[in-house]
Amino acid sequence: MAKKRRKLNKDFERKIYSSKKNVELVLAKIYDIDDEDIQKEYMSAFNKVVYLYDELKEDYERKGFSDNSEELLTSYKNAFNIFESEFEI
């Protein structure tokens, strides 16, 4: 049986790329923190955001654009916004 093709969405791919750049930027800023305890605290808090980004990216790579895609993106954005509001970076 033929494998079903993934449904692609260029606009959604741009959002994923933008999300990737945001995650990379914050991680770079966290790694630049000199105080190890503060760095661990920030990294611990940011891990949820990284996890949600990875889940979003992997879901899109496996399934393509689906009903779940926008929900995953919203979860990632909410977690990112919460992190930004709680931690000054």
Protein backbone atom coordinates (compact mmCIF):
# COMPACT_ATOMS: atom_id res chain seq x y z
CA MET A 1 0.00 0.00 0.00
CA ALA A 2 1.34 3.43 -0.92
CA LYS A 3 2.42 5.74 1.86
CA LYS A 4 0.19 8.80 2.32
CA ARG A 5 1.97 12.08 1.50
CA ARG A 6 2.41 14.66 4.21
CA LYS A 7 0.40 17.84 3.79
CA LEU A 8 2.83 20.76 3.75
CA ASN A 9 2.20 24.38 4.65
CA LYS A 10 4.82 27.02 3.78
CA ASP A 11 3.45 29.59 6.23
CA PHE A 12 3.58 27.04 9.05
CA GLU A 13 7.14 26.09 8.08
CA ARG A 14 8.13 29.76 8.44
CA LYS A 15 6.59 29.78 11.92
CA ILE A 16 8.56 26.67 12.88
CA TYR A 17 11.78 28.24 11.51
CA SER A 18 11.11 31.43 13.47
CA SER A 19 10.44 29.38 16.60
CA LYS A 20 13.73 27.54 16.09
CA LYS A 21 15.63 30.83 15.88
CA ASN A 22 13.93 32.10 19.07
CA VAL A 23 14.86 28.92 20.95
CA GLU A 24 18.46 29.12 19.72
CA LEU A 25 18.74 32.77 20.74
CA VAL A 26 17.45 32.17 24.27
CA LEU A 27 19.68 29.10 24.68
CA ALA A 28 22.69 31.17 23.62
CA LYS A 29 21.78 33.82 26.18
CA ILE A 30 21.35 31.17 28.88
CA TYR A 31 24.75 29.65 28.07
CA ASP A 32 26.30 33.13 28.37
CA ILE A 33 25.22 33.41 32.03
CA ASP A 34 28.32 33.20 34.21
CA ASP A 35 26.67 32.14 37.48
CA GLU A 36 26.20 28.37 37.24
CA ASP A 37 23.26 28.25 39.66
CA ILE A 38 21.34 30.93 37.76
CA GLN A 39 22.19 29.24 34.46
CA LYS A 40 20.78 25.93 35.76
CA GLU A 41 17.63 27.68 36.98
CA TYR A 42 17.04 29.33 33.60
CA MET A 43 17.80 26.11 31.72
CA SER A 44 15.45 24.14 33.91
CA ALA A 45 12.65 26.62 33.26
CA PHE A 46 13.38 26.76 29.53
CA ASN A 47 13.42 22.98 29.09
CA LYS A 48 9.62 22.90 28.76
CA VAL A 49 9.79 25.41 25.89
CA VAL A 50 12.49 23.36 24.15
CA TYR A 51 10.46 20.17 24.63
CA LEU A 52 7.35 21.78 23.11
CA TYR A 53 9.37 23.13 20.18
CA ASP A 54 10.87 19.66 19.54
CA GLU A 55 7.41 18.09 19.70
CA LEU A 56 6.07 20.69 17.25
CA LYS A 57 8.94 20.16 14.80
CA GLU A 58 8.85 16.35 14.98
CA ASP A 59 5.08 16.24 14.54
CA TYR A 60 5.33 18.37 11.40
CA GLU A 61 8.20 16.28 10.02
CA ARG A 62 6.29 13.03 10.62
CA LYS A 63 2.73 13.99 9.75
CA GLY A 64 2.96 17.31 7.96
CA PHE A 65 0.38 20.02 8.61
CA SER A 66 -2.57 18.56 10.52
CA ASP A 67 -5.34 19.52 12.91
CA ASN A 68 -2.89 19.12 15.77
CA SER A 69 -0.26 21.46 14.27
CA GLU A 70 -1.83 24.77 15.29
CA GLU A 71 -2.51 23.41 18.79
CA LEU A 72 1.14 22.43 19.21
CA LEU A 73 2.28 25.84 17.95
CA THR A 74 -0.04 27.60 20.39
CA SER A 75 1.25 25.48 23.29
CA TYR A 76 4.84 26.32 22.34
CA LYS A 77 4.09 30.06 22.03
CA ASN A 78 2.27 30.14 25.37
CA ALA A 79 5.16 28.38 27.13
CA PHE A 80 7.67 30.74 25.49
CA ASN A 81 5.68 33.80 26.54
CA ILE A 82 5.39 32.53 30.12
CA PHE A 83 9.14 31.95 30.24
CA GLU A 84 9.82 35.47 28.93
CA SER A 85 7.47 37.01 31.47
CA GLU A 86 9.00 35.14 34.41
CA PHE A 87 12.69 35.33 33.46
CA GLU A 88 14.53 38.42 32.32
CA ILE A 89 16.91 37.36 29.59
